Amino acid sequence: MLAQTVTELDVTFVEQVRDEVALGMDAFDMIASMDEPTSAKQITLSSYLLTVLERIAPRLEAYYSSLSQESIYRPETEKNPALTRWNNVRRRIMEESFFVVAKPPDIYSGEGLSMGRPH
């Protein structure tokens, strides 16, 4: 169920971004056909790209907000909660982010902050 919900969120977000990009492609063609100097076209294009990014940013924020609600560990929805918790810990160990939390940073060593896998 969780995978299906997350996949639906992904598809919805990608479709929204695709629609914005499609409008942007139309704008590129329109700007390219303008009878203005190249510098003016670049300014117009840059301005338009910023507006596209401004429209996509709230959608990205909403996407991550929705995704975080689905990604929170909820044992009642897991078939095997212990295995799920172990898989989360194992993944963090493999990506070396677990040791950032498990070991305080050594700020007084000659190497500066050392926050990776302990050697």
PDB file of N, CA and C in Angstrom:
ATOM      1  N   MET A   1       0.821  -1.194   0.000  1.00  0.00           N
ATOM      2  CA  MET A   1       0.000   0.000   0.000  1.00  0.00           C
ATOM      3  C   MET A   1       0.866   1.259   0.000  1.00  0.00           C
ATOM      4  N   LEU A   2       1.896   1.265   0.828  1.00  0.00           N
ATOM      5  CA  LEU A   2       2.777   2.430   0.919  1.00  0.00           C
ATOM      6  C   LEU A   2       3.463   2.691  -0.417  1.00  0.00           C
ATOM      7  N   ALA A   3       3.967   1.633  -1.038  1.00  0.00           N
ATOM      8  CA  ALA A   3       4.661   1.798  -2.320  1.00  0.00           C
ATOM      9  C   ALA A   3       3.722   2.364  -3.376  1.00  0.00           C
ATOM     10  N   GLN A   4       2.482   1.927  -3.369  1.00  0.00           N
ATOM     11  CA  GLN A   4       1.515   2.426  -4.346  1.00  0.00           C
ATOM     12  C   GLN A   4       1.236   3.914  -4.116  1.00  0.00           C
ATOM     13  N   THR A   5       1.079   4.305  -2.866  1.00  0.00           N
ATOM     14  CA  THR A   5       0.813   5.708  -2.554  1.00  0.00           C
ATOM     15  C   THR A   5       1.987   6.585  -2.942  1.00  0.00           C
ATOM     16  N   VAL A   6       3.198   6.138  -2.618  1.00  0.00           N
ATOM     17  CA  VAL A   6       4.394   6.910  -2.951  1.00  0.00           C
ATOM     18  C   VAL A   6       4.554   6.999  -4.465  1.00  0.00           C
ATOM     19  N   THR A   7       4.283   5.924  -5.163  1.00  0.00           N
ATOM     20  CA  THR A   7       4.369   5.941  -6.622  1.00  0.00           C
ATOM     21  C   THR A   7       3.361   6.921  -7.216  1.00  0.00           C
ATOM     22  N   GLU A   8       2.146   6.958  -6.669  1.00  0.00           N
ATOM     23  CA  GLU A   8       1.151   7.913  -7.142  1.00  0.00           C
ATOM     24  C   GLU A   8       1.603   9.348  -6.892  1.00  0.00           C
ATOM     25  N   LEU A   9       2.219   9.606  -5.736  1.00  0.00           N
ATOM     26  CA  LEU A   9       2.757  10.941  -5.464  1.00  0.00           C
ATOM     27  C   LEU A   9       3.843  11.302  -6.467  1.00  0.00           C
ATOM     28  N   ASP A  10       4.735  10.342  -6.751  1.00  0.00           N
ATOM     29  CA  ASP A  10       5.810  10.577  -7.720  1.00  0.00           C
ATOM     30  C   ASP A  10       5.252  10.917  -9.093  1.00  0.00           C
ATOM     31  N   VAL A  11       4.300  10.126  -9.541  1.00  0.00           N
ATOM     32  CA  VAL A  11       3.734  10.325 -10.878  1.00  0.00           C
ATOM     33  C   VAL A  11       3.024  11.670 -10.962  1.00  0.00           C
ATOM     34  N   THR A  12       2.267  12.014  -9.940  1.00  0.00           N
ATOM     35  CA  THR A  12       1.572  13.302  -9.935  1.00  0.00           C
ATOM     36  C   THR A  12       2.558  14.457 -10.014  1.00  0.00           C
ATOM     37  N   PHE A  13       3.613  14.393  -9.213  1.00  0.00           N
ATOM     38  CA  PHE A  13       4.608  15.463  -9.218  1.00  0.00           C
ATOM     39  C   PHE A  13       5.304  15.559 -10.577  1.00  0.00           C
ATOM     40  N   VAL A  14       5.688  14.423 -11.131  1.00  0.00           N
ATOM     41  CA  VAL A  14       6.377  14.427 -12.428  1.00  0.00           C
ATOM     42  C   VAL A  14       5.461  14.978 -13.520  1.00  0.00           C
ATOM     43  N   GLU A  15       4.188  14.642 -13.459  1.00  0.00           N
ATOM     44  CA  GLU A  15       3.243  15.177 -14.450  1.00  0.00           C
ATOM     45  C   GLU A  15       3.111  16.687 -14.324  1.00  0.00           C
ATOM     46  N   GLN A  16       3.077  17.201 -13.093  1.00  0.00           N
ATOM     47  CA  GLN A  16       2.988  18.642 -12.901  1.00  0.00           C
ATOM     48  C   GLN A  16       4.223  19.344 -13.447  1.00  0.00           C
ATOM     49  N   VAL A  17       5.387  18.788 -13.165  1.00  0.00           N
ATOM     50  CA  VAL A  17       6.632  19.381 -13.669  1.00  0.00           C
ATOM     51  C   VAL A  17       6.674  19.292 -15.194  1.00  0.00           C
ATOM     52  N   ARG A  18       6.227  18.167 -15.735  1.00  0.00           N
ATOM     53  CA  ARG A  18       6.185  17.997 -17.196  1.00  0.00           C
ATOM     54  C   ARG A  18       5.324  19.072 -17.845  1.00  0.00           C
ATOM     55  N   ASP A  19       4.176  19.369 -17.239  1.00  0.00           N
ATOM     56  CA  ASP A  19       3.295  20.408 -17.787  1.00  0.00           C
ATOM     57  C   ASP A  19       3.980  21.767 -17.778  1.00  0.00           C
ATOM     58  N   GLU A  20       4.673  22.076 -16.695  1.00  0.00           N
ATOM     59  CA  GLU A  20       5.400  23.352 -16.618  1.00  0.00           C
ATOM     60  C   GLU A  20       6.508  23.408 -17.661  1.00  0.00           C
ATOM     61  N   VAL A  21       7.221  22.305 -17.829  1.00  0.00           N
ATOM     62  CA  VAL A  21       8.317  22.266 -18.798  1.00  0.00           C
ATOM     63  C   VAL A  21       7.777  22.380 -20.218  1.00  0.00           C
ATOM     64  N   ALA A  22       6.627  21.772 -20.481  1.00  0.00           N
ATOM     65  CA  ALA A  22       6.025  21.879 -21.819  1.00  0.00           C
ATOM     66  C   ALA A  22       5.690  23.334 -22.141  1.00  0.00           C
ATOM     67  N   LEU A  23       5.159  24.050 -21.151  1.00  0.00           N
ATOM     68  CA  LEU A  23       4.900  25.473 -21.364  1.00  0.00           C
ATOM     69  C   LEU A  23       6.205  26.219 -21.607  1.00  0.00           C
ATOM     70  N   GLY A  24       7.245  25.803 -20.906  1.00  0.00           N
ATOM     71  CA  GLY A  24       8.558  26.427 -21.088  1.00  0.00           C
ATOM     72  C   GLY A  24       9.109  26.199 -22.478  1.00  0.00           C
ATOM     73  N   MET A  25       8.896  25.019 -23.037  1.00  0.00           N
ATOM     74  CA  MET A  25       9.381  24.743 -24.389  1.00  0.00           C
ATOM     75  C   MET A  25       8.674  25.631 -25.403  1.00  0.00           C
ATOM     76  N   ASP A  26       7.383  25.842 -25.206  1.00  0.00           N
ATOM     77  CA  ASP A  26       6.649  26.762 -26.082  1.00  0.00           C
ATOM     78  C   ASP A  26       7.220  28.172 -25.963  1.00  0.00           C
ATOM     79  N   ALA A  27       7.558  28.567 -24.740  1.00  0.00           N
ATOM     80  CA  ALA A  27       8.125  29.903 -24.525  1.00  0.00           C
ATOM     81  C   ALA A  27       9.497  30.018 -25.191  1.00  0.00           C
ATOM     82  N   PHE A  28      10.301  28.955 -25.150  1.00  0.00           N
ATOM     83  CA  PHE A  28      11.607  28.976 -25.815  1.00  0.00           C
ATOM     84  C   PHE A  28      11.439  29.255 -27.302  1.00  0.00           C
ATOM     85  N   ASP A  29      10.501  28.557 -27.910  1.00  0.00           N
ATOM     86  CA  ASP A  29      10.267  28.750 -29.344  1.00  0.00           C
ATOM     87  C   ASP A  29       9.810  30.180 -29.639  1.00  0.00           C
ATOM     88  N   MET A  30       8.921  30.690 -28.803  1.00  0.00           N
ATOM     89  CA  MET A  30       8.411  32.031 -29.013  1.00  0.00           C
ATOM     90  C   MET A  30       9.531  33.067 -28.835  1.00  0.00           C
ATOM     91  N   ILE A  31      10.350  32.892 -27.821  1.00  0.00           N
ATOM     92  CA  ILE A  31      11.446  33.832 -27.565  1.00  0.00           C
ATOM     93  C   ILE A  31      12.489  33.743 -28.683  1.00  0.00           C
ATOM     94  N   ALA A  32      12.772  32.535 -29.156  1.00  0.00           N
ATOM     95  CA  ALA A  32      13.756  32.368 -30.229  1.00  0.00           C
ATOM     96  C   ALA A  32      13.300  33.048 -31.513  1.00  0.00           C
ATOM     97  N   SER A  33      11.999  33.098 -31.732  1.00  0.00           N
ATOM     98  CA  SER A  33      11.499  33.704 -32.968  1.00  0.00           C
ATOM     99  C   SER A  33      11.360  35.230 -32.872  1.00  0.00           C
ATOM    100  N   MET A  34      11.610  35.790 -31.701  1.00  0.00           N
ATOM    101  CA  MET A  34      11.493  37.249 -31.528  1.00  0.00           C
ATOM    102  C   MET A  34      12.585  37.955 -32.325  1.00  0.00           C
ATOM    103  N   ASP A  35      12.257  39.116 -32.817  1.00  0.00           N
ATOM    104  CA  ASP A  35      13.207  39.907 -33.603  1.00  0.00           C
ATOM    105  C   ASP A  35      13.886  40.929 -32.676  1.00  0.00           C
ATOM    106  N   GLU A  36      14.711  40.404 -31.788  1.00  0.00           N
ATOM    107  CA  GLU A  36      15.433  41.227 -30.821  1.00  0.00           C
ATOM    108  C   GLU A  36      16.880  40.751 -30.753  1.00  0.00           C
ATOM    109  N   PRO A  37      17.757  41.589 -30.196  1.00  0.00           N
ATOM    110  CA  PRO A  37      19.148  41.155 -30.036  1.00  0.00           C
ATOM    111  C   PRO A  37      19.242  39.943 -29.105  1.00  0.00           C
ATOM    112  N   THR A  38      20.313  39.209 -29.261  1.00  0.00           N
ATOM    113  CA  THR A  38      20.520  37.998 -28.470  1.00  0.00           C
ATOM    114  C   THR A  38      20.500  38.287 -26.974  1.00  0.00           C
ATOM    115  N   SER A  39      21.094  39.381 -26.546  1.00  0.00           N
ATOM    116  CA  SER A  39      21.132  39.693 -25.119  1.00  0.00           C
ATOM    117  C   SER A  39      19.724  39.917 -24.566  1.00  0.00           C
ATOM    118  N   ALA A  40      18.871  40.554 -25.335  1.00  0.00           N
ATOM    119  CA  ALA A  40      17.489  40.774 -24.895  1.00  0.00           C
ATOM    120  C   ALA A  40      16.741  39.444 -24.808  1.00  0.00           C
ATOM    121  N   LYS A  41      16.989  38.548 -25.757  1.00  0.00           N
ATOM    122  CA  LYS A  41      16.375  37.218 -25.722  1.00  0.00           C
ATOM    123  C   LYS A  41      16.829  36.451 -24.484  1.00  0.00           C
ATOM    124  N   GLN A  42      18.119  36.557 -24.176  1.00  0.00           N
ATOM    125  CA  GLN A  42      18.652  35.850 -23.005  1.00  0.00           C
ATOM    126  C   GLN A  42      18.032  36.377 -21.720  1.00  0.00           C
ATOM    127  N   ILE A  43      17.861  37.678 -21.631  1.00  0.00           N
ATOM    128  CA  ILE A  43      17.237  38.279 -20.445  1.00  0.00           C
ATOM    129  C   ILE A  43      15.791  37.814 -20.326  1.00  0.00           C
ATOM    130  N   THR A  44      15.060  37.834 -21.431  1.00  0.00           N
ATOM    131  CA  THR A  44      13.666  37.394 -21.430  1.00  0.00           C
ATOM    132  C   THR A  44      13.571  35.924 -21.042  1.00  0.00           C
ATOM    133  N   LEU A  45      14.451  35.116 -21.603  1.00  0.00           N
ATOM    134  CA  LEU A  45      14.455  33.687 -21.314  1.00  0.00           C
ATOM    135  C   LEU A  45      14.809  33.421 -19.851  1.00  0.00           C
ATOM    136  N   SER A  46      15.798  34.112 -19.336  1.00  0.00           N
ATOM    137  CA  SER A  46      16.189  33.955 -17.927  1.00  0.00           C
ATOM    138  C   SER A  46      15.044  34.335 -17.007  1.00  0.00           C
ATOM    139  N   SER A  47      14.375  35.410 -17.322  1.00  0.00           N
ATOM    140  CA  SER A  47      13.236  35.855 -16.516  1.00  0.00           C
ATOM    141  C   SER A  47      12.131  34.806 -16.526  1.00  0.00           C
ATOM    142  N   TYR A  48      11.864  34.268 -17.698  1.00  0.00           N
ATOM    143  CA  TYR A  48      10.818  33.248 -17.790  1.00  0.00           C
ATOM    144  C   TYR A  48      11.205  31.990 -17.024  1.00  0.00           C
ATOM    145  N   LEU A  49      12.454  31.576 -17.146  1.00  0.00           N
ATOM    146  CA  LEU A  49      12.901  30.380 -16.418  1.00  0.00           C
ATOM    147  C   LEU A  49      12.755  30.563 -14.911  1.00  0.00           C
ATOM    148  N   LEU A  50      13.028  31.750 -14.422  1.00  0.00           N
ATOM    149  CA  LEU A  50      12.847  32.011 -12.992  1.00  0.00           C
ATOM    150  C   LEU A  50      11.380  31.884 -12.588  1.00  0.00           C
ATOM    151  N   THR A  51      10.478  32.348 -13.435  1.00  0.00           N
ATOM    152  CA  THR A  51       9.055  32.215 -13.094  1.00  0.00           C
ATOM    153  C   THR A  51       8.625  30.751 -13.093  1.00  0.00           C
ATOM    154  N   VAL A  52       9.186  29.963 -14.022  1.00  0.00           N
ATOM    155  CA  VAL A  52       8.880  28.531 -14.042  1.00  0.00           C
ATOM    156  C   VAL A  52       9.376  27.881 -12.758  1.00  0.00           C
ATOM    157  N   LEU A  53      10.590  28.202 -12.351  1.00  0.00           N
ATOM    158  CA  LEU A  53      11.131  27.638 -11.116  1.00  0.00           C
ATOM    159  C   LEU A  53      10.309  28.073  -9.902  1.00  0.00           C
ATOM    160  N   GLU A  54       9.845  29.308  -9.913  1.00  0.00           N
ATOM    161  CA  GLU A  54       9.006  29.779  -8.818  1.00  0.00           C
ATOM    162  C   GLU A  54       7.681  29.024  -8.755  1.00  0.00           C
ATOM    163  N   ARG A  55       7.157  28.617  -9.903  1.00  0.00           N
ATOM    164  CA  ARG A  55       5.916  27.835  -9.910  1.00  0.00           C
ATOM    165  C   ARG A  55       6.156  26.393  -9.506  1.00  0.00           C
ATOM    166  N   ILE A  56       7.315  25.852  -9.825  1.00  0.00           N
ATOM    167  CA  ILE A  56       7.617  24.466  -9.489  1.00  0.00           C
ATOM    168  C   ILE A  56       7.975  24.322  -8.012  1.00  0.00           C
ATOM    169  N   ALA A  57       8.594  25.323  -7.414  1.00  0.00           N
ATOM    170  CA  ALA A  57       9.047  25.236  -6.018  1.00  0.00           C
ATOM    171  C   ALA A  57       7.927  24.875  -5.043  1.00  0.00           C
ATOM    172  N   PRO A  58       6.763  25.523  -5.093  1.00  0.00           N
ATOM    173  CA  PRO A  58       5.702  25.117  -4.158  1.00  0.00           C
ATOM    174  C   PRO A  58       5.211  23.694  -4.404  1.00  0.00           C
ATOM    175  N   ARG A  59       5.232  23.283  -5.643  1.00  0.00           N
ATOM    176  CA  ARG A  59       4.825  21.903  -5.944  1.00  0.00           C
ATOM    177  C   ARG A  59       5.822  20.915  -5.366  1.00  0.00           C
ATOM    178  N   LEU A  60       7.095  21.262  -5.434  1.00  0.00           N
ATOM    179  CA  LEU A  60       8.128  20.411  -4.854  1.00  0.00           C
ATOM    180  C   LEU A  60       7.980  20.347  -3.340  1.00  0.00           C
ATOM    181  N   GLU A  61       7.703  21.483  -2.733  1.00  0.00           N
ATOM    182  CA  GLU A  61       7.498  21.520  -1.284  1.00  0.00           C
ATOM    183  C   GLU A  61       6.292  20.666  -0.889  1.00  0.00           C
ATOM    184  N   ALA A  62       5.209  20.780  -1.619  1.00  0.00           N
ATOM    185  CA  ALA A  62       4.016  19.978  -1.325  1.00  0.00           C
ATOM    186  C   ALA A  62       4.296  18.494  -1.539  1.00  0.00           C
ATOM    187  N   TYR A  63       5.061  18.178  -2.574  1.00  0.00           N
ATOM    188  CA  TYR A  63       5.417  16.787  -2.843  1.00  0.00           C
ATOM    189  C   TYR A  63       6.199  16.196  -1.676  1.00  0.00           C
ATOM    190  N   TYR A  64       7.236  16.896  -1.223  1.00  0.00           N
ATOM    191  CA  TYR A  64       8.041  16.376  -0.119  1.00  0.00           C
ATOM    192  C   TYR A  64       7.241  16.317   1.174  1.00  0.00           C
ATOM    193  N   SER A  65       6.338  17.243   1.376  1.00  0.00           N
ATOM    194  CA  SER A  65       5.482  17.210   2.556  1.00  0.00           C
ATOM    195  C   SER A  65       4.595  15.965   2.522  1.00  0.00           C
ATOM    196  N   SER A  66       3.978  15.707   1.388  1.00  0.00           N
ATOM    197  CA  SER A  66       3.129  14.513   1.247  1.00  0.00           C
ATOM    198  C   SER A  66       3.955  13.242   1.356  1.00  0.00           C
ATOM    199  N   LEU A  67       5.119  13.252   0.754  1.00  0.00           N
ATOM    200  CA  LEU A  67       5.981  12.073   0.794  1.00  0.00           C
ATOM    201  C   LEU A  67       6.429  11.776   2.217  1.00  0.00           C
ATOM    202  N   SER A  68       6.746  12.807   2.975  1.00  0.00           N
ATOM    203  CA  SER A  68       7.199  12.575   4.348  1.00  0.00           C
ATOM    204  C   SER A  68       6.079  11.971   5.194  1.00  0.00           C
ATOM    205  N   GLN A  69       4.844  12.341   4.917  1.00  0.00           N
ATOM    206  CA  GLN A  69       3.724  11.752   5.657  1.00  0.00           C
ATOM    207  C   GLN A  69       3.594  10.264   5.366  1.00  0.00           C
ATOM    208  N   GLU A  70       3.927   9.865   4.155  1.00  0.00           N
ATOM    209  CA  GLU A  70       3.837   8.454   3.791  1.00  0.00           C
ATOM    210  C   GLU A  70       5.078   7.665   4.195  1.00  0.00           C
ATOM    211  N   SER A  71       6.194   8.356   4.360  1.00  0.00           N
ATOM    212  CA  SER A  71       7.455   7.674   4.633  1.00  0.00           C
ATOM    213  C   SER A  71       7.737   7.497   6.123  1.00  0.00           C
ATOM    214  N   ILE A  72       6.903   8.087   6.964  1.00  0.00           N
ATOM    215  CA  ILE A  72       7.100   7.927   8.403  1.00  0.00           C
ATOM    216  C   ILE A  72       6.907   6.463   8.751  1.00  0.00           C
ATOM    217  N   TYR A  73       7.788   5.968   9.589  1.00  0.00           N
ATOM    218  CA  TYR A  73       7.707   4.575   9.991  1.00  0.00           C
ATOM    219  C   TYR A  73       6.444   4.344  10.814  1.00  0.00           C
ATOM    220  N   ARG A  74       5.584   3.486  10.310  1.00  0.00           N
ATOM    221  CA  ARG A  74       4.341   3.157  11.008  1.00  0.00           C
ATOM    222  C   ARG A  74       4.255   1.643  11.149  1.00  0.00           C
ATOM    223  N   PRO A  75       4.570   1.127  12.325  1.00  0.00           N
ATOM    224  CA  PRO A  75       4.585  -0.325  12.502  1.00  0.00           C
ATOM    225  C   PRO A  75       3.252  -0.993  12.196  1.00  0.00           C
ATOM    226  N   GLU A  76       2.144  -0.292  12.433  1.00  0.00           N
ATOM    227  CA  GLU A  76       0.832  -0.918  12.213  1.00  0.00           C
ATOM    228  C   GLU A  76       0.570  -1.221  10.746  1.00  0.00           C
ATOM    229  N   THR A  77       1.305  -0.567   9.835  1.00  0.00           N
ATOM    230  CA  THR A  77       1.091  -0.835   8.410  1.00  0.00           C
ATOM    231  C   THR A  77       2.113  -1.816   7.848  1.00  0.00           C
ATOM    232  N   GLU A  78       3.065  -2.213   8.660  1.00  0.00           N
ATOM    233  CA  GLU A  78       4.116  -3.124   8.203  1.00  0.00           C
ATOM    234  C   GLU A  78       3.730  -4.574   8.469  1.00  0.00           C
ATOM    235  N   LYS A  79       4.048  -5.448   7.537  1.00  0.00           N
ATOM    236  CA  LYS A  79       3.813  -6.877   7.741  1.00  0.00           C
ATOM    237  C   LYS A  79       4.788  -7.435   8.766  1.00  0.00           C
ATOM    238  N   ASN A  80       6.023  -6.930   8.733  1.00  0.00           N
ATOM    239  CA  ASN A  80       7.039  -7.389   9.672  1.00  0.00           C
ATOM    240  C   ASN A  80       7.786  -6.154  10.191  1.00  0.00           C
ATOM    241  N   PRO A  81       7.279  -5.528  11.264  1.00  0.00           N
ATOM    242  CA  PRO A  81       7.884  -4.283  11.753  1.00  0.00           C
ATOM    243  C   PRO A  81       9.350  -4.421  12.153  1.00  0.00           C
ATOM    244  N   ALA A  82       9.711  -5.537  12.764  1.00  0.00           N
ATOM    245  CA  ALA A  82      11.103  -5.715  13.188  1.00  0.00           C
ATOM    246  C   ALA A  82      12.031  -5.746  11.980  1.00  0.00           C
ATOM    247  N   LEU A  83      11.629  -6.445  10.935  1.00  0.00           N
ATOM    248  CA  LEU A  83      12.443  -6.512   9.726  1.00  0.00           C
ATOM    249  C   LEU A  83      12.555  -5.137   9.068  1.00  0.00           C
ATOM    250  N   THR A  84      11.463  -4.397   9.062  1.00  0.00           N
ATOM    251  CA  THR A  84      11.484  -3.057   8.484  1.00  0.00           C
ATOM    252  C   THR A  84      12.442  -2.156   9.252  1.00  0.00           C
ATOM    253  N   ARG A  85      12.385  -2.193  10.568  1.00  0.00           N
ATOM    254  CA  ARG A  85      13.303  -1.380  11.373  1.00  0.00           C
ATOM    255  C   ARG A  85      14.748  -1.794  11.121  1.00  0.00           C
ATOM    256  N   TRP A  86      15.012  -3.091  11.061  1.00  0.00           N
ATOM    257  CA  TRP A  86      16.367  -3.553  10.802  1.00  0.00           C
ATOM    258  C   TRP A  86      16.838  -3.100   9.419  1.00  0.00           C
ATOM    259  N   ASN A  87      15.964  -3.173   8.425  1.00  0.00           N
ATOM    260  CA  ASN A  87      16.334  -2.727   7.076  1.00  0.00           C
ATOM    261  C   ASN A  87      16.662  -1.239   7.063  1.00  0.00           C
ATOM    262  N   ASN A  88      15.930  -0.438   7.836  1.00  0.00           N
ATOM    263  CA  ASN A  88      16.234   0.994   7.931  1.00  0.00           C
ATOM    264  C   ASN A  88      17.607   1.221   8.547  1.00  0.00           C
ATOM    265  N   VAL A  89      17.898   0.505   9.631  1.00  0.00           N
ATOM    266  CA  VAL A  89      19.210   0.642  10.281  1.00  0.00           C
ATOM    267  C   VAL A  89      20.312   0.169   9.343  1.00  0.00           C
ATOM    268  N   ARG A  90      20.113  -0.978   8.701  1.00  0.00           N
ATOM    269  CA  ARG A  90      21.129  -1.522   7.791  1.00  0.00           C
ATOM    270  C   ARG A  90      21.392  -0.555   6.630  1.00  0.00           C
ATOM    271  N   ARG A  91      20.324   0.036   6.078  1.00  0.00           N
ATOM    272  CA  ARG A  91      20.502   1.003   4.986  1.00  0.00           C
ATOM    273  C   ARG A  91      21.317   2.208   5.456  1.00  0.00           C
ATOM    274  N   ARG A  92      21.031   2.696   6.646  1.00  0.00           N
ATOM    275  CA  ARG A  92      21.781   3.842   7.174  1.00  0.00           C
ATOM    276  C   ARG A  92      23.242   3.485   7.428  1.00  0.00           C
ATOM    277  N   ILE A  93      23.495   2.264   7.855  1.00  0.00           N
ATOM    278  CA  ILE A  93      24.883   1.827   8.049  1.00  0.00           C
ATOM    279  C   ILE A  93      25.610   1.776   6.709  1.00  0.00           C
ATOM    280  N   MET A  94      24.948   1.223   5.700  1.00  0.00           N
ATOM    281  CA  MET A  94      25.569   1.089   4.386  1.00  0.00           C
ATOM    282  C   MET A  94      25.846   2.450   3.744  1.00  0.00           C
ATOM    283  N   GLU A  95      24.957   3.418   3.941  1.00  0.00           N
ATOM    284  CA  GLU A  95      25.179   4.752   3.360  1.00  0.00           C
ATOM    285  C   GLU A  95      26.005   5.640   4.284  1.00  0.00           C
ATOM    286  N   GLU A  96      26.417   5.079   5.410  1.00  0.00           N
ATOM    287  CA  GLU A  96      27.288   5.723   6.392  1.00  0.00           C
ATOM    288  C   GLU A  96      26.647   6.903   7.107  1.00  0.00           C
ATOM    289  N   SER A  97      25.340   7.046   7.052  1.00  0.00           N
ATOM    290  CA  SER A  97      24.695   8.131   7.782  1.00  0.00           C
ATOM    291  C   SER A  97      24.370   7.732   9.219  1.00  0.00           C
ATOM    292  N   PHE A  98      24.340   6.439   9.507  1.00  0.00           N
ATOM    293  CA  PHE A  98      24.046   5.979  10.866  1.00  0.00           C
ATOM    294  C   PHE A  98      25.127   6.429  11.842  1.00  0.00           C
ATOM    295  N   PHE A  99      26.377   6.391  11.416  1.00  0.00           N
ATOM    296  CA  PHE A  99      27.481   6.705  12.308  1.00  0.00           C
ATOM    297  C   PHE A  99      27.579   8.189  12.621  1.00  0.00           C
ATOM    298  N   VAL A 100      26.952   9.024  11.814  1.00  0.00           N
ATOM    299  CA  VAL A 100      26.911  10.450  12.125  1.00  0.00           C
ATOM    300  C   VAL A 100      26.135  10.655  13.421  1.00  0.00           C
ATOM    301  N   VAL A 101      25.075   9.881  13.593  1.00  0.00           N
ATOM    302  CA  VAL A 101      24.257   9.990  14.791  1.00  0.00           C
ATOM    303  C   VAL A 101      24.861   9.202  15.943  1.00  0.00           C
ATOM    304  N   ALA A 102      25.490   8.077  15.637  1.00  0.00           N
ATOM    305  CA  ALA A 102      25.977   7.179  16.681  1.00  0.00           C
ATOM    306  C   ALA A 102      27.272   7.650  17.323  1.00  0.00           C
ATOM    307  N   LYS A 103      28.032   8.478  16.672  1.00  0.00           N
ATOM    308  CA  LYS A 103      29.338   8.895  17.196  1.00  0.00           C
ATOM    309  C   LYS A 103      29.399  10.416  17.219  1.00  0.00           C
ATOM    310  N   PRO A 104      29.732  10.998  18.366  1.00  0.00           N
ATOM    311  CA  PRO A 104      29.858  12.461  18.395  1.00  0.00           C
ATOM    312  C   PRO A 104      31.021  12.914  17.517  1.00  0.00           C
ATOM    313  N   PRO A 105      30.912  14.073  16.899  1.00  0.00           N
ATOM    314  CA  PRO A 105      32.004  14.547  16.041  1.00  0.00           C
ATOM    315  C   PRO A 105      33.237  14.868  16.870  1.00  0.00           C
ATOM    316  N   ASP A 106      34.384  14.548  16.323  1.00  0.00           N
ATOM    317  CA  ASP A 106      35.649  14.830  16.987  1.00  0.00           C
ATOM    318  C   ASP A 106      36.170  16.146  16.433  1.00  0.00           C
ATOM    319  N   ILE A 107      35.816  17.252  17.103  1.00  0.00           N
ATOM    320  CA  ILE A 107      36.165  18.565  16.572  1.00  0.00           C
ATOM    321  C   ILE A 107      37.578  18.978  16.942  1.00  0.00           C
ATOM    322  N   TYR A 108      38.233  18.202  17.802  1.00  0.00           N
ATOM    323  CA  TYR A 108      39.572  18.587  18.228  1.00  0.00           C
ATOM    324  C   TYR A 108      40.666  17.792  17.530  1.00  0.00           C
ATOM    325  N   SER A 109      40.305  16.900  16.634  1.00  0.00           N
ATOM    326  CA  SER A 109      41.332  16.141  15.920  1.00  0.00           C
ATOM    327  C   SER A 109      41.934  17.009  14.823  1.00  0.00           C
ATOM    328  N   GLY A 110      43.055  16.612  14.324  1.00  0.00           N
ATOM    329  CA  GLY A 110      43.724  17.379  13.282  1.00  0.00           C
ATOM    330  C   GLY A 110      42.990  17.326  11.959  1.00  0.00           C
ATOM    331  N   GLU A 111      42.055  16.414  11.820  1.00  0.00           N
ATOM    332  CA  GLU A 111      41.339  16.246  10.558  1.00  0.00           C
ATOM    333  C   GLU A 111      40.077  17.101  10.486  1.00  0.00           C
ATOM    334  N   GLY A 112      39.767  17.847  11.521  1.00  0.00           N
ATOM    335  CA  GLY A 112      38.522  18.622  11.525  1.00  0.00           C
ATOM    336  C   GLY A 112      37.383  17.725  11.953  1.00  0.00           C
ATOM    337  N   LEU A 113      36.200  17.998  11.467  1.00  0.00           N
ATOM    338  CA  LEU A 113      35.048  17.177  11.821  1.00  0.00           C
ATOM    339  C   LEU A 113      35.163  15.827  11.149  1.00  0.00           C
ATOM    340  N   SER A 114      35.053  14.780  11.927  1.00  0.00           N
ATOM    341  CA  SER A 114      35.120  13.438  11.401  1.00  0.00           C
ATOM    342  C   SER A 114      33.783  12.779  11.653  1.00  0.00           C
ATOM    343  N   MET A 115      32.954  12.675  10.615  1.00  0.00           N
ATOM    344  CA  MET A 115      31.612  12.132  10.799  1.00  0.00           C
ATOM    345  C   MET A 115      31.319  10.994   9.838  1.00  0.00           C
ATOM    346  N   GLY A 116      32.216  10.159   9.595  1.00  0.00           N
ATOM    347  CA  GLY A 116      31.951   9.043   8.707  1.00  0.00           C
ATOM    348  C   GLY A 116      31.960   7.753   9.475  1.00  0.00           C
ATOM    349  N   ARG A 117      32.149   6.667   8.779  1.00  0.00           N
ATOM    350  CA  ARG A 117      32.233   5.366   9.407  1.00  0.00           C
ATOM    351  C   ARG A 117      33.489   5.322  10.261  1.00  0.00           C
ATOM    352  N   PRO A 118      33.390   4.829  11.514  1.00  0.00           N
ATOM    353  CA  PRO A 118      34.583   4.768  12.355  1.00  0.00           C
ATOM    354  C   PRO A 118      35.612   3.835  11.749  1.00  0.00           C
ATOM    355  N   HIS A 119      36.877   4.209  11.848  1.00  0.00           N
ATOM    356  CA  HIS A 119      37.943   3.394  11.262  1.00  0.00           C
ATOM    357  C   HIS A 119      38.614   2.565  12.316  1.00  0.00           C
TER     358      HIS A 119
END
